[in-house]
């Protein structure tokens, strides 16, 4: 009976992990590409007056993360929202400063390396959130 329960438990964790990873991929697409408007895109990249657009953008990410956690692991929702808000904001700000200091645009390979690193870090954050949800299940 123990082997059956262990197998069931492993399948359950794998299912929670797979579902949450897919939800976070969809969340990231929505928050970074569908719900991010020009004011956020341009504003958070600016040298001055970048804080409010960055807060708005990171807030959208935090809100959507909160919805996922509320559905799958509610006792961690507020902590996850705060973590996503801070982590996403920091990653985006570092990319903006690096892009400006390196003076690169979308026609430069370095721009795309920075963009790729930005996306990788966001996805690793979401993987961490997904592992937390699977562990709580």
Protein backbone atom coordinates (compact mmCIF):
# COMPACT_ATOMS: atom_id res chain seq x y z
CA UNK A 1 0.00 0.00 0.00
CA UNK A 2 2.91 2.38 0.73
CA UNK A 3 4.23 2.10 -2.84
CA UNK A 4 0.80 2.99 -4.23
CA UNK A 5 0.55 6.06 -1.98
CA UNK A 6 4.08 7.13 -2.89
CA UNK A 7 3.30 6.77 -6.60
CA UNK A 8 0.02 8.66 -6.17
CA UNK A 9 1.79 11.38 -4.23
CA UNK A 10 4.53 11.72 -6.88
CA UNK A 11 1.92 11.94 -9.65
CA UNK A 12 -0.02 14.51 -7.65
CA UNK A 13 3.07 16.70 -7.18
CA UNK A 14 3.94 16.37 -10.88
CA UNK A 15 0.41 17.37 -11.84
CA UNK A 16 0.44 20.42 -9.55
CA UNK A 17 3.83 21.39 -10.94
CA UNK A 18 2.71 21.03 -14.56
CA UNK A 19 -0.54 22.94 -14.02
CA UNK A 20 1.13 25.78 -12.15
CA UNK A 21 3.96 26.08 -14.70
CA UNK A 22 1.39 26.40 -17.49
CA UNK A 23 -0.58 28.98 -15.51
CA UNK A 24 2.56 31.03 -14.85
CA UNK A 25 3.58 30.89 -18.52
CA UNK A 26 0.13 32.20 -19.47
CA UNK A 27 0.31 34.80 -16.69
CA UNK A 28 3.67 36.04 -17.92
CA UNK A 29 2.43 36.31 -21.49
CA UNK A 30 -0.61 38.29 -20.36
CA UNK A 31 1.25 40.63 -18.00
CA UNK A 32 4.35 41.24 -20.13
CA UNK A 33 2.82 41.32 -23.60
CA UNK A 34 -0.98 41.74 -23.55
CA UNK A 35 -1.59 43.95 -20.50
CA UNK A 36 1.60 46.01 -20.65
CA UNK A 37 0.77 49.26 -22.42
CA UNK A 38 3.06 51.77 -24.11
CA UNK A 39 3.13 54.00 -21.02
CA UNK A 40 4.53 51.10 -18.96
CA UNK A 41 6.97 49.96 -21.67
CA UNK A 42 8.44 53.38 -22.33
CA UNK A 43 8.12 54.70 -18.79
CA UNK A 44 9.85 51.86 -16.96
CA UNK A 45 12.79 52.11 -19.36
CA UNK A 46 13.22 55.87 -18.86
CA UNK A 47 16.14 57.47 -17.08
CA UNK A 48 13.82 59.61 -14.95
CA UNK A 49 10.22 59.17 -13.80
CA UNK A 50 10.43 55.40 -14.25
CA UNK A 51 9.13 54.36 -10.84
CA UNK A 52 5.37 54.74 -11.35
CA UNK A 53 5.21 52.86 -14.69
CA UNK A 54 7.46 50.13 -13.25
CA UNK A 55 5.28 49.84 -10.14
CA UNK A 56 2.18 49.58 -12.33
CA UNK A 57 3.76 46.88 -14.49
CA UNK A 58 5.13 44.88 -11.55
CA UNK A 59 1.76 45.33 -9.84
CA UNK A 60 -0.02 43.63 -12.74
CA UNK A 61 2.40 40.71 -12.39
CA UNK A 62 1.87 40.58 -8.63
CA UNK A 63 -1.91 40.68 -8.99
CA UNK A 64 -1.96 37.80 -11.48
CA UNK A 65 0.44 35.80 -9.31
CA UNK A 66 -1.89 36.43 -6.39
CA UNK A 67 -4.80 35.02 -8.38
CA UNK A 68 -2.87 31.85 -9.21
CA UNK A 69 -1.79 31.37 -5.61
CA UNK A 70 -5.29 32.11 -4.32
CA UNK A 71 -6.60 29.30 -6.49
CA UNK A 72 -3.83 26.76 -5.83
CA UNK A 73 -2.08 27.63 -2.53
CA UNK A 74 -4.06 30.42 -0.86
CA UNK A 75 -2.07 30.65 2.37
CA UNK A 76 0.98 31.80 0.36
CA UNK A 77 -0.84 34.27 -1.92
CA UNK A 78 0.16 37.52 -0.20
CA UNK A 79 3.78 36.46 0.24
CA UNK A 80 3.98 35.36 -3.41
CA UNK A 81 2.45 38.63 -4.61
CA UNK A 82 5.00 40.64 -2.66
CA UNK A 83 7.86 38.45 -3.88
CA UNK A 84 6.74 38.69 -7.51
CA UNK A 85 6.30 42.47 -7.26
CA UNK A 86 9.83 42.96 -5.92
CA UNK A 87 11.58 40.37 -8.08
CA UNK A 88 9.86 41.37 -11.32
CA UNK A 89 10.45 45.04 -10.69
CA UNK A 90 14.15 44.50 -9.94
CA UNK A 91 14.73 42.33 -13.00
CA UNK A 92 13.02 44.84 -15.29
CA UNK A 93 14.84 47.82 -13.80
CA UNK A 94 18.24 46.13 -14.08
CA UNK A 95 17.52 45.32 -17.73
CA UNK A 96 16.45 48.93 -18.40
CA UNK A 97 19.59 50.37 -16.81
CA UNK A 98 21.85 47.88 -18.62
CA UNK A 99 20.16 48.59 -21.96
CA UNK A 100 20.63 52.31 -21.49
CA UNK A 101 24.22 52.12 -20.24
CA UNK A 102 25.21 49.81 -23.07
CA UNK A 103 23.33 52.09 -25.48
CA UNK A 104 21.69 49.19 -27.32
CA UNK A 105 18.44 49.03 -29.27
CA UNK A 106 16.42 46.22 -30.77
CA UNK A 107 18.78 46.16 -33.77
CA UNK A 108 21.76 45.15 -31.57
CA UNK A 109 22.37 41.51 -30.57
CA UNK A 110 23.17 42.66 -27.00
CA UNK A 111 19.62 44.02 -26.67
CA UNK A 112 18.24 40.56 -27.40
CA UNK A 113 20.71 38.91 -25.02
CA UNK A 114 19.49 41.24 -22.29
CA UNK A 115 15.86 40.60 -23.25
CA UNK A 116 16.50 36.85 -23.21
CA UNK A 117 18.19 37.03 -19.80
CA UNK A 118 15.25 39.08 -18.50
CA UNK A 119 12.76 36.48 -19.73
CA UNK A 120 14.87 33.61 -18.36
CA UNK A 121 14.99 35.19 -14.90
CA UNK A 122 11.22 35.75 -14.93
CA UNK A 123 10.62 32.13 -15.96
CA UNK A 124 12.97 30.85 -13.26
CA UNK A 125 11.00 32.92 -10.74
CA UNK A 126 7.81 31.31 -11.99
CA UNK A 127 9.37 27.86 -11.75
CA UNK A 128 10.20 28.61 -8.14
CA UNK A 129 6.60 29.67 -7.51
CA UNK A 130 5.39 26.49 -9.21
CA UNK A 131 7.64 24.34 -7.03
CA UNK A 132 6.26 26.13 -3.95
CA UNK A 133 2.70 25.40 -5.08
CA UNK A 134 3.48 21.73 -5.83
CA UNK A 135 5.20 21.38 -2.45
CA UNK A 136 2.18 22.84 -0.67
CA UNK A 137 -0.25 20.48 -2.43
